[in-house]
């Protein structure tokens, strides 16, 4: 079976700083300039204080697998030949409840577990790079 190319995200004005940073090899998350609350996925207003004073700040790139699923049959273009693979919510240490969604690689699918420490790496895709996470060794 021939795999189709993986889709490339289409940054919007709201998400462009996130994708530009990822392409530079940095993981950034939106943060409120008023109350300092971290926000992910990006919003137009802070869900904590309603401020529009929002920017993006670099985070550590480390996290913990909060929950995950193993995809055995993918309908996403470009992933057909990569099954099985793991998609996970990654809890980021910068704030309670702050998390991001990404693939987890760097170990066998059977080794992925809730509570497993992971660190970010960036997958080239078209003109962008996408943040994914790998098991910490």
N, C-alpha and C. Protein backbone atom coordinates (compact mmCIF):
# COMPACT_ATOMS: atom_id res chain seq x y z
N UNK A 1 0.84 -1.18 0.00
CA UNK A 1 0.00 0.00 0.00
C UNK A 1 0.89 1.25 0.00
N UNK A 2 0.60 2.18 -0.85
CA UNK A 2 1.34 3.43 -0.93
C UNK A 2 0.72 4.42 0.06
N UNK A 3 1.57 4.99 0.89
CA UNK A 3 1.10 5.95 1.88
C UNK A 3 1.02 7.34 1.25
N UNK A 4 -0.04 8.04 1.55
CA UNK A 4 -0.19 9.42 1.10
C UNK A 4 0.68 10.32 1.98
N UNK A 5 1.01 11.52 1.51
CA UNK A 5 1.79 12.43 2.35
C UNK A 5 0.99 12.87 3.58
N UNK A 6 1.71 13.06 4.68
CA UNK A 6 1.06 13.57 5.89
C UNK A 6 0.65 15.02 5.66
N UNK A 7 -0.47 15.39 6.23
CA UNK A 7 -0.94 16.76 6.11
C UNK A 7 -0.02 17.71 6.87
N UNK A 8 0.06 18.92 6.36
CA UNK A 8 0.84 19.97 6.99
C UNK A 8 -0.15 20.96 7.59
N UNK A 9 0.01 21.33 8.86
CA UNK A 9 -0.91 22.31 9.46
C UNK A 9 -0.91 23.62 8.68
N UNK A 10 -2.03 24.29 8.72
CA UNK A 10 -2.16 25.61 8.10
C UNK A 10 -2.29 26.64 9.21
N UNK A 11 -1.16 27.28 9.56
CA UNK A 11 -1.22 28.27 10.66
C UNK A 11 -2.17 29.41 10.35
N UNK A 12 -2.86 29.85 11.40
CA UNK A 12 -3.71 31.04 11.32
C UNK A 12 -2.96 32.18 12.00
N UNK A 13 -3.53 33.36 11.98
CA UNK A 13 -2.91 34.49 12.69
C UNK A 13 -2.75 34.16 14.18
N UNK A 14 -3.71 33.44 14.74
CA UNK A 14 -3.68 33.07 16.16
C UNK A 14 -2.59 32.05 16.47
N UNK A 15 -2.39 31.09 15.57
CA UNK A 15 -1.45 29.99 15.86
C UNK A 15 -0.08 30.16 15.23
N UNK A 16 0.11 31.15 14.37
CA UNK A 16 1.39 31.34 13.68
C UNK A 16 2.58 31.38 14.63
N UNK A 17 2.54 32.09 15.78
CA UNK A 17 3.70 32.10 16.68
C UNK A 17 4.06 30.69 17.20
N UNK A 18 3.06 29.87 17.44
CA UNK A 18 3.28 28.49 17.90
C UNK A 18 4.05 27.70 16.84
N UNK A 19 3.56 27.75 15.58
CA UNK A 19 4.19 26.98 14.51
C UNK A 19 5.56 27.54 14.14
N UNK A 20 5.73 28.84 14.18
CA UNK A 20 7.05 29.43 13.89
C UNK A 20 8.07 28.98 14.93
N UNK A 21 7.68 28.97 16.19
CA UNK A 21 8.58 28.52 17.26
C UNK A 21 8.91 27.04 17.09
N UNK A 22 7.91 26.22 16.81
CA UNK A 22 8.16 24.78 16.61
C UNK A 22 9.14 24.56 15.48
N UNK A 23 9.01 25.34 14.42
CA UNK A 23 9.91 25.20 13.27
C UNK A 23 11.34 25.60 13.65
N UNK A 24 11.48 26.46 14.65
CA UNK A 24 12.81 26.81 15.18
C UNK A 24 13.30 25.79 16.21
N UNK A 25 12.46 24.81 16.56
CA UNK A 25 12.83 23.82 17.56
C UNK A 25 12.52 24.24 18.98
N UNK A 26 11.52 25.10 19.16
CA UNK A 26 11.12 25.56 20.49
C UNK A 26 9.64 25.25 20.71
N UNK A 27 9.32 24.78 21.91
CA UNK A 27 7.92 24.58 22.28
C UNK A 27 7.45 25.80 23.06
N UNK A 28 6.48 26.52 22.50
CA UNK A 28 5.92 27.68 23.17
C UNK A 28 4.43 27.44 23.40
N UNK A 29 3.92 28.05 24.45
CA UNK A 29 2.51 27.96 24.80
C UNK A 29 2.01 29.38 25.05
N UNK A 30 0.79 29.63 24.68
CA UNK A 30 0.19 30.95 24.89
C UNK A 30 0.08 31.22 26.39
N UNK A 31 0.33 32.50 26.77
CA UNK A 31 0.25 32.87 28.19
C UNK A 31 -0.34 34.26 28.32
N UNK A 32 -1.17 34.42 29.32
CA UNK A 32 -1.81 35.70 29.58
C UNK A 32 -0.81 36.66 30.23
N UNK A 33 -0.74 37.87 29.68
CA UNK A 33 0.14 38.88 30.22
C UNK A 33 -0.38 39.52 31.50
N UNK A 34 -1.67 39.35 31.78
CA UNK A 34 -2.26 39.92 33.00
C UNK A 34 -2.17 38.97 34.19
N UNK A 35 -2.80 37.81 34.06
CA UNK A 35 -2.86 36.88 35.20
C UNK A 35 -1.79 35.78 35.14
N UNK A 36 -1.04 35.71 34.03
CA UNK A 36 0.06 34.76 33.82
C UNK A 36 -0.41 33.32 33.67
N UNK A 37 -1.68 33.11 33.38
CA UNK A 37 -2.26 31.79 33.15
C UNK A 37 -1.78 31.26 31.79
N UNK A 38 -1.35 29.99 31.74
CA UNK A 38 -0.97 29.35 30.49
C UNK A 38 -2.24 28.88 29.79
N UNK A 39 -2.27 28.97 28.46
CA UNK A 39 -3.47 28.64 27.69
C UNK A 39 -3.10 27.75 26.51
N UNK A 40 -3.69 26.57 26.47
CA UNK A 40 -3.49 25.71 25.30
C UNK A 40 -4.73 24.85 25.15
N UNK A 41 -5.32 24.89 24.09
CA UNK A 41 -5.04 25.41 22.76
C UNK A 41 -5.27 26.91 22.73
N UNK A 42 -4.62 27.63 21.77
CA UNK A 42 -4.69 29.10 21.75
C UNK A 42 -6.12 29.65 21.70
N UNK A 43 -6.30 30.76 22.39
CA UNK A 43 -7.59 31.45 22.49
C UNK A 43 -7.41 32.93 22.15
N UNK A 44 -8.51 33.62 21.90
CA UNK A 44 -8.47 35.06 21.65
C UNK A 44 -8.48 35.86 22.95
N UNK A 45 -9.02 35.25 24.01
CA UNK A 45 -9.07 35.87 25.34
C UNK A 45 -8.64 34.83 26.37
N UNK A 46 -8.11 35.30 27.46
CA UNK A 46 -7.73 34.41 28.55
C UNK A 46 -8.99 33.80 29.17
N UNK A 47 -9.10 32.48 29.24
CA UNK A 47 -10.27 31.88 29.86
C UNK A 47 -10.31 32.05 31.38
N UNK A 48 -9.19 32.51 31.94
CA UNK A 48 -9.11 32.69 33.39
C UNK A 48 -9.54 34.10 33.82
N UNK A 49 -9.08 35.14 33.06
CA UNK A 49 -9.40 36.52 33.47
C UNK A 49 -10.03 37.36 32.35
N UNK A 50 -10.17 36.80 31.15
CA UNK A 50 -10.78 37.44 29.99
C UNK A 50 -9.91 38.51 29.34
N UNK A 51 -8.65 38.62 29.75
CA UNK A 51 -7.75 39.59 29.15
C UNK A 51 -7.44 39.20 27.70
N UNK A 52 -7.19 40.20 26.88
CA UNK A 52 -6.74 39.97 25.51
C UNK A 52 -5.23 40.18 25.39
N UNK A 53 -4.57 40.39 26.51
CA UNK A 53 -3.12 40.58 26.54
C UNK A 53 -2.44 39.21 26.56
N UNK A 54 -2.36 38.59 25.38
CA UNK A 54 -1.85 37.24 25.26
C UNK A 54 -0.59 37.20 24.42
N UNK A 55 0.34 36.35 24.80
CA UNK A 55 1.56 36.14 24.03
C UNK A 55 1.95 34.69 24.12
N UNK A 56 3.09 34.37 23.57
CA UNK A 56 3.60 33.00 23.62
C UNK A 56 4.92 33.00 24.35
N UNK A 57 5.12 31.98 25.23
CA UNK A 57 6.35 31.85 25.99
C UNK A 57 6.85 30.42 25.90
N UNK A 58 8.15 30.29 25.94
CA UNK A 58 8.79 28.97 25.86
C UNK A 58 8.52 28.18 27.14
N UNK A 59 8.28 26.88 26.97
CA UNK A 59 8.12 25.97 28.10
C UNK A 59 9.26 24.96 28.07
N UNK A 60 9.37 24.16 29.10
CA UNK A 60 10.51 23.26 29.27
C UNK A 60 10.62 22.18 28.19
N UNK A 61 9.51 21.76 27.63
CA UNK A 61 9.55 20.67 26.67
C UNK A 61 9.50 19.30 27.31
N UNK A 62 9.36 19.27 28.61
CA UNK A 62 9.22 18.00 29.32
C UNK A 62 7.78 17.83 29.75
N UNK A 63 7.37 16.60 29.95
CA UNK A 63 6.01 16.35 30.39
C UNK A 63 5.83 14.92 30.85
N UNK A 64 4.60 14.60 31.16
CA UNK A 64 4.21 13.28 31.65
C UNK A 64 3.00 12.83 30.83
N UNK A 65 3.01 11.58 30.39
CA UNK A 65 1.84 11.05 29.69
C UNK A 65 0.68 11.01 30.67
N UNK A 66 -0.37 11.77 30.35
CA UNK A 66 -1.55 11.83 31.21
C UNK A 66 -2.56 10.74 30.84
N UNK A 67 -2.77 10.57 29.56
CA UNK A 67 -3.60 9.48 29.04
C UNK A 67 -3.22 9.31 27.57
N UNK A 68 -3.57 8.18 26.99
CA UNK A 68 -3.16 7.94 25.61
C UNK A 68 -4.06 6.89 24.97
N UNK A 69 -3.95 6.81 23.66
CA UNK A 69 -4.60 5.75 22.90
C UNK A 69 -3.62 5.21 21.88
N UNK A 70 -3.77 3.97 21.55
CA UNK A 70 -2.95 3.34 20.51
C UNK A 70 -3.81 3.23 19.26
N UNK A 71 -3.33 3.82 18.19
CA UNK A 71 -4.05 3.79 16.92
C UNK A 71 -3.55 2.58 16.12
N UNK A 72 -4.46 1.66 15.86
CA UNK A 72 -4.11 0.45 15.11
C UNK A 72 -4.52 0.55 13.64
N UNK A 73 -5.50 1.39 13.36
CA UNK A 73 -5.96 1.58 11.99
C UNK A 73 -6.19 3.07 11.79
N UNK A 74 -5.30 3.67 11.02
CA UNK A 74 -5.34 5.12 10.85
C UNK A 74 -6.06 5.49 9.57
N UNK A 75 -6.88 6.51 9.69
CA UNK A 75 -7.54 7.09 8.52
C UNK A 75 -6.92 8.44 8.18
N UNK A 76 -5.89 8.82 8.93
CA UNK A 76 -5.20 10.10 8.69
C UNK A 76 -4.19 9.90 7.57
N UNK A 77 -4.23 10.74 6.55
CA UNK A 77 -3.29 10.60 5.44
C UNK A 77 -1.84 10.58 5.92
N UNK A 78 -1.06 9.64 5.39
CA UNK A 78 0.35 9.55 5.70
C UNK A 78 0.70 8.67 6.88
N UNK A 79 -0.28 8.29 7.67
CA UNK A 79 -0.03 7.49 8.86
C UNK A 79 -0.35 6.00 8.66
N UNK A 80 -0.86 5.65 7.49
CA UNK A 80 -1.31 4.27 7.27
C UNK A 80 -0.20 3.25 7.53
N UNK A 81 1.01 3.55 7.11
CA UNK A 81 2.13 2.61 7.25
C UNK A 81 2.80 2.68 8.62
N UNK A 82 2.37 3.60 9.47
CA UNK A 82 3.03 3.79 10.77
C UNK A 82 2.29 3.13 11.93
N UNK A 83 1.19 2.46 11.65
CA UNK A 83 0.43 1.83 12.72
C UNK A 83 1.17 0.62 13.25
N UNK A 84 1.03 0.31 14.52
CA UNK A 84 0.33 1.11 15.53
C UNK A 84 1.19 2.29 15.99
N UNK A 85 0.51 3.37 16.42
CA UNK A 85 1.22 4.51 16.99
C UNK A 85 0.39 5.07 18.14
N UNK A 86 1.06 5.87 18.97
CA UNK A 86 0.44 6.40 20.19
C UNK A 86 0.15 7.89 20.04
N UNK A 87 -1.07 8.28 20.40
CA UNK A 87 -1.46 9.68 20.53
C UNK A 87 -1.78 9.90 22.00
N UNK A 88 -1.20 10.94 22.59
CA UNK A 88 -1.35 11.13 24.03
C UNK A 88 -1.61 12.58 24.41
N UNK A 89 -2.27 12.75 25.56
CA UNK A 89 -2.32 14.03 26.25
C UNK A 89 -1.06 14.06 27.10
N UNK A 90 -0.26 15.11 26.94
CA UNK A 90 0.97 15.27 27.71
C UNK A 90 0.75 16.40 28.70
N UNK A 91 0.85 16.07 29.99
CA UNK A 91 0.73 17.09 31.04
C UNK A 91 2.06 17.83 31.12
N UNK A 92 1.99 19.15 31.02
CA UNK A 92 3.19 19.99 31.09
C UNK A 92 3.35 20.52 32.52
N UNK A 93 4.58 20.58 33.02
CA UNK A 93 4.79 20.94 34.43
C UNK A 93 4.60 22.42 34.75
N UNK A 94 4.48 23.27 33.75
CA UNK A 94 4.41 24.70 34.01
C UNK A 94 3.15 25.14 34.76
N UNK A 95 2.09 24.34 34.68
CA UNK A 95 0.84 24.72 35.35
C UNK A 95 -0.05 23.49 35.48
N UNK A 96 -0.69 23.33 36.62
CA UNK A 96 -1.64 22.22 36.79
C UNK A 96 -2.72 22.34 35.72
N UNK A 97 -3.02 21.23 35.05
CA UNK A 97 -4.06 21.20 34.04
C UNK A 97 -3.60 21.61 32.65
N UNK A 98 -2.36 22.07 32.51
CA UNK A 98 -1.83 22.44 31.20
C UNK A 98 -1.35 21.19 30.49
N UNK A 99 -1.85 20.99 29.30
CA UNK A 99 -1.45 19.80 28.55
C UNK A 99 -1.52 20.07 27.05
N UNK A 100 -0.83 19.22 26.32
CA UNK A 100 -0.84 19.29 24.87
C UNK A 100 -1.02 17.88 24.33
N UNK A 101 -1.47 17.79 23.09
CA UNK A 101 -1.68 16.48 22.46
C UNK A 101 -0.58 16.25 21.44
N UNK A 102 -0.02 15.04 21.42
CA UNK A 102 1.06 14.73 20.49
C UNK A 102 1.23 13.22 20.37
N UNK A 103 2.01 12.84 19.37
CA UNK A 103 2.41 11.45 19.24
C UNK A 103 3.52 11.18 20.25
N UNK A 104 3.61 9.95 20.73
CA UNK A 104 4.69 9.53 21.62
C UNK A 104 5.46 8.44 20.89
N UNK A 105 6.77 8.64 20.76
CA UNK A 105 7.63 7.69 20.07
C UNK A 105 8.86 7.41 20.93
N UNK A 106 9.80 6.68 20.37
CA UNK A 106 11.06 6.43 21.08
C UNK A 106 11.03 5.22 21.96
N UNK A 107 9.94 4.47 21.92
CA UNK A 107 9.84 3.22 22.66
C UNK A 107 8.75 2.39 22.00
N UNK A 108 8.68 1.14 22.37
CA UNK A 108 7.63 0.27 21.84
C UNK A 108 6.27 0.77 22.32
N UNK A 109 5.27 0.62 21.49
CA UNK A 109 3.91 1.03 21.84
C UNK A 109 3.50 0.43 23.18
N UNK A 110 3.88 -0.81 23.42
CA UNK A 110 3.51 -1.51 24.66
C UNK A 110 4.17 -0.91 25.90
N UNK A 111 5.22 -0.12 25.71
CA UNK A 111 5.94 0.48 26.84
C UNK A 111 5.33 1.80 27.30
N UNK A 112 4.50 2.41 26.47
CA UNK A 112 3.89 3.70 26.84
C UNK A 112 2.94 3.46 28.01
N UNK A 113 3.03 4.32 29.01
CA UNK A 113 2.21 4.16 30.21
C UNK A 113 1.84 5.52 30.77
N UNK A 114 0.71 5.59 31.42
CA UNK A 114 0.32 6.80 32.13
C UNK A 114 1.37 7.08 33.20
N UNK A 115 1.80 8.33 33.28
CA UNK A 115 2.84 8.72 34.23
C UNK A 115 4.24 8.66 33.66
N UNK A 116 4.40 8.20 32.42
CA UNK A 116 5.72 8.08 31.81
C UNK A 116 6.27 9.46 31.47
N UNK A 117 7.53 9.75 31.87
CA UNK A 117 8.12 11.03 31.51
C UNK A 117 8.51 11.05 30.03
N UNK A 118 8.26 12.19 29.39
CA UNK A 118 8.56 12.36 27.97
C UNK A 118 9.18 13.74 27.75
N UNK A 119 9.83 13.89 26.58
CA UNK A 119 10.39 15.19 26.22
C UNK A 119 10.10 15.45 24.75
N UNK A 120 10.00 16.73 24.42
CA UNK A 120 9.61 17.14 23.07
C UNK A 120 10.75 16.93 22.08
N UNK A 121 10.38 16.64 20.85
CA UNK A 121 11.27 16.71 19.70
C UNK A 121 10.40 17.21 18.55
N UNK A 122 11.03 17.58 17.45
CA UNK A 122 10.28 18.22 16.37
C UNK A 122 10.43 17.45 15.07
N UNK A 123 9.29 17.07 14.51
CA UNK A 123 9.22 16.30 13.27
C UNK A 123 9.09 17.24 12.08
N UNK A 124 10.03 17.21 11.15
CA UNK A 124 9.88 18.03 9.95
C UNK A 124 8.67 17.57 9.14
N UNK A 125 7.87 18.52 8.72
CA UNK A 125 6.71 18.21 7.88
C UNK A 125 6.49 19.40 6.95
N UNK A 126 6.83 19.23 5.69
CA UNK A 126 6.74 20.35 4.76
C UNK A 126 7.68 21.45 5.20
N UNK A 127 7.17 22.68 5.24
CA UNK A 127 7.99 23.81 5.66
C UNK A 127 7.94 24.03 7.18
N UNK A 128 7.16 23.23 7.88
CA UNK A 128 7.02 23.36 9.33
C UNK A 128 7.70 22.21 10.04
N UNK A 129 7.77 22.32 11.36
CA UNK A 129 8.13 21.21 12.23
C UNK A 129 7.01 21.08 13.25
N UNK A 130 6.66 19.83 13.58
CA UNK A 130 5.58 19.57 14.53
C UNK A 130 6.14 18.99 15.82
N UNK A 131 5.68 19.49 16.97
CA UNK A 131 6.13 18.92 18.23
C UNK A 131 5.51 17.54 18.46
N UNK A 132 6.36 16.60 18.77
CA UNK A 132 5.98 15.27 19.23
C UNK A 132 6.79 15.01 20.48
N UNK A 133 6.51 13.91 21.16
CA UNK A 133 7.24 13.59 22.38
C UNK A 133 7.82 12.20 22.30
N UNK A 134 8.97 12.03 22.97
CA UNK A 134 9.61 10.71 23.03
C UNK A 134 9.87 10.37 24.48
N UNK A 135 9.97 9.10 24.74
CA UNK A 135 10.23 8.63 26.10
C UNK A 135 11.57 9.18 26.58
N UNK A 136 11.63 9.65 27.82
CA UNK A 136 12.89 10.09 28.41
C UNK A 136 13.71 8.86 28.76
N UNK A 137 14.95 8.94 28.51
CA UNK A 137 15.86 7.81 28.81
C UNK A 137 16.79 8.20 29.93
